[in-house]
Protein backbone atom coordinates (compact mmCIF):
# COMPACT_ATOMS: atom_id res chain seq x y z
CA ALA A 1 100.06 111.08 80.29
CA LEU A 2 99.88 109.91 83.89
CA CYS A 3 103.15 108.70 85.50
CA GLY A 4 104.86 108.72 82.11
CA ALA A 5 102.38 106.26 80.55
CA PRO A 6 101.46 106.91 76.92
CA ALA A 7 98.18 108.73 76.35
CA ILE A 8 96.86 105.95 74.08
CA LEU A 9 97.47 102.29 74.88
CA PRO A 10 96.87 99.50 72.38
CA PRO A 11 93.54 97.65 72.71
CA ARG A 12 93.64 94.41 74.70
CA HIS A 13 92.79 91.24 72.76
CA GLY A 14 92.91 87.87 74.54
CA SER A 15 95.78 86.47 76.56
CA SER A 16 98.54 87.18 74.00
CA GLY A 17 97.35 90.80 73.85
CA ASP A 18 97.49 90.96 77.64
CA SER A 19 101.19 90.15 77.55
CA ALA A 20 101.92 92.87 74.98
CA PHE A 21 99.74 95.35 76.86
CA LEU A 22 101.53 94.59 80.14
CA SER A 23 104.96 94.89 78.50
CA ILE A 24 104.11 98.35 77.18
CA VAL A 25 102.79 99.48 80.55
CA LEU A 26 105.89 98.17 82.34
CA GLU A 27 108.23 99.84 79.84
CA GLU A 28 106.50 103.18 80.38
CA PHE A 29 106.15 102.82 84.13
CA ASP A 30 109.40 103.94 85.71
CA ARG A 31 111.07 101.31 87.94
CA ASN A 32 111.16 103.64 90.94
CA ALA A 33 107.51 104.55 90.52
CA PHE A 34 106.65 100.84 90.30
CA GLU A 35 108.49 100.09 93.53
CA ILE A 36 107.38 103.18 95.44
CA ALA A 37 103.82 103.71 94.25
CA LEU A 38 102.57 100.21 93.52
CA LEU A 39 104.43 97.47 95.38
CA PRO A 40 103.70 98.61 98.95
CA HIS A 41 99.97 98.21 98.26
CA VAL A 42 100.07 94.80 96.58
CA ALA A 43 99.44 91.73 98.73
CA LEU A 44 102.32 89.28 99.07
CA ALA A 45 100.28 86.42 97.60
CA CYS A 46 99.58 88.57 94.53
CA LYS A 47 103.27 89.45 94.14
CA ARG A 48 104.16 85.76 94.32
CA ALA A 49 101.47 84.78 91.82
CA LEU A 50 102.42 87.56 89.40
CA ALA A 51 106.08 86.58 89.58
CA CYS A 52 105.13 82.99 88.74
CA THR A 53 102.81 83.78 85.85
CA CYS A 54 104.27 86.81 84.10
CA TYR A 55 107.86 86.97 82.87
CA ALA A 56 107.86 90.79 82.65
CA LEU A 57 106.68 91.10 86.25
CA ARG A 58 109.01 88.34 87.44
CA GLU A 59 111.97 90.51 86.41
CA ARG A 60 110.57 93.38 88.46
CA LEU A 61 109.34 91.41 91.47
CA THR A 62 112.24 88.99 92.06
CA PRO A 63 114.65 91.67 93.33
CA HIS A 64 111.87 92.99 95.59
CA LEU A 65 111.00 89.55 97.00
CA ARG A 66 114.68 88.58 97.41
CA ALA A 67 115.81 91.85 99.01
CA ALA A 68 117.38 91.99 102.46
CA THR A 69 114.33 93.95 103.69
CA LEU A 70 110.75 92.88 103.04
CA SER A 71 107.63 94.69 104.20
CA VAL A 72 104.38 92.77 104.41
CA LEU A 73 100.81 93.87 105.01
CA ARG A 74 98.75 92.68 107.98
CA ASP A 75 96.49 90.86 105.52
CA ASP A 76 99.52 88.91 104.23
CA ALA A 77 99.53 86.90 107.46
CA VAL A 78 98.52 83.49 106.11
CA TRP A 79 100.50 80.30 106.60
CA SER A 80 101.58 79.93 102.95
CA ASN A 81 103.05 83.44 102.96
CA ALA A 82 104.72 82.87 106.33
CA LEU A 83 106.42 79.71 105.03
CA PHE A 84 107.50 81.52 101.85
CA VAL A 85 109.05 84.36 103.89
CA ALA A 86 110.72 81.92 106.29
CA ARG A 87 112.53 80.31 103.34
CA LEU A 88 113.87 83.53 101.80
CA PRO A 89 117.65 83.09 101.95
CA GLY A 90 118.82 86.71 102.11
CA LEU A 91 116.08 88.19 104.27
CA SER A 92 117.55 90.01 107.26
CA ASP A 93 114.77 92.49 107.99
CA LEU A 94 111.06 91.63 107.94
CA ARG A 95 108.64 94.45 108.67
CA VAL A 96 105.00 93.65 109.38
CA GLU A 97 102.55 96.51 108.87
CA GLY A 98 101.34 97.88 112.19
CA GLU A 99 103.75 95.87 114.37
CA THR A 100 104.97 97.99 117.28
CA SER A 101 106.49 95.43 119.66
CA LEU A 102 109.04 94.13 117.14
CA PRO A 103 108.84 96.42 114.09
CA SER A 104 111.91 94.90 112.45
CA MET A 105 112.52 91.14 112.64
CA ASP A 106 115.87 89.55 111.76
CA LEU A 107 114.48 86.06 111.14
CA ALA A 108 117.82 84.49 110.22
CA ARG A 109 119.28 85.66 113.54
CA TYR A 110 116.31 84.34 115.53
CA ARG A 111 116.72 80.89 113.97
CA ARG A 112 120.33 80.74 115.24
CA LEU A 113 119.60 81.69 118.86
CA GLU A 114 119.34 79.00 121.55
CA ALA A 115 116.77 80.87 123.63
CA LEU A 116 114.03 83.22 122.55
CA LYS A 117 111.64 85.40 124.53
CA VAL A 118 108.30 86.14 122.96
CA GLY A 119 106.83 89.50 123.83
CA ALA A 120 103.49 90.98 122.93
CA LEU A 121 103.65 90.38 119.18
CA SER A 122 100.64 91.14 117.02
CA THR A 123 98.97 88.10 115.49
CA PRO A 124 100.38 88.74 111.98
CA ALA A 125 103.91 89.23 113.33
CA ALA A 126 103.61 86.11 115.52
CA LEU A 127 102.64 84.02 112.49
CA PHE A 128 105.71 85.11 110.48
CA PHE A 129 107.94 84.75 113.56
CA GLY A 130 106.58 81.25 114.28
CA ALA A 131 107.11 80.05 110.73
CA ALA A 132 110.69 81.32 110.79
CA ILE A 133 111.66 79.61 114.05
CA ALA A 134 109.63 76.43 113.54
CA THR A 135 112.66 74.39 112.47
CA SER A 136 114.98 75.70 115.19
CA ASN A 137 115.77 73.87 118.43
CA ALA A 138 115.59 76.91 120.68
CA ARG A 139 113.87 77.23 124.01
CA LEU A 140 110.98 79.64 123.84
CA ARG A 141 109.91 81.77 126.82
CA LEU A 142 106.27 82.63 126.29
CA SER A 143 104.73 86.05 126.83
CA ASP A 144 103.56 85.16 130.36
CA GLY A 145 107.24 85.41 131.34
CA SER A 146 107.51 82.07 133.13
CA THR A 147 106.48 79.32 130.70
CA ILE A 148 109.31 77.89 128.64
CA ARG A 149 108.76 75.46 125.80
CA SER A 150 111.23 73.60 123.66
CA ILE A 151 110.44 74.21 120.01
CA SER A 152 111.57 70.68 119.12
CA ALA A 153 109.12 69.28 121.74
CA LEU A 154 106.35 71.43 120.28
CA ARG A 155 107.11 70.04 116.81
CA SER A 156 106.93 66.43 117.98
CA SER A 157 103.92 66.77 120.30
CA PRO A 158 100.47 65.94 118.92
CA SER A 159 99.09 68.88 120.91
CA PRO A 160 101.01 72.04 121.86
CA ASN A 161 99.15 72.07 125.21
CA LYS A 162 100.66 68.67 126.06
CA ALA A 163 104.25 69.60 125.22
CA GLY A 164 106.36 69.57 128.36
CA LYS A 165 106.96 72.79 130.26
CA GLU A 166 110.58 73.49 131.10
CA ALA A 167 110.52 76.63 133.25
CA SER A 168 113.38 77.65 135.47
CA ASP A 169 114.63 80.94 136.86
CA ALA A 170 118.00 80.38 135.15
CA ASP A 171 116.47 80.79 131.65
């Protein structure tokens, strides 16, 4: 048996059989093995969908998705995932695969700050960062080092390029 799974699994028959099959697999698959071997390779959208559609997986995935630390893949960088992550209440450490400029993001802390400086974030990290701070009223110093934008002005402007610049050496 591989990873503690039984050598012979029951045959799968229709959707009700799928549920029984999955329950047996989950019972035999050690919780640590599930979290260490499988979860790091599953896309965030898949984890969310599985937690919504399968009670047995919901019990396993909810603690993972509600943990203080969440690691996401580069391919997870889509707006729906970024909004989901931004709304996680207990998230204090977001890690985006491949991010070197800001490998660990404390999104709750960034939302509370009055001024933020954006460095050279990767595109996936910038998407998650942007979704997290979108409702804040901070001033944002862009990566060019001199342009400062008010996030509230960006929210209310029909075009981000037309939002007022507020640069000063004091910021």
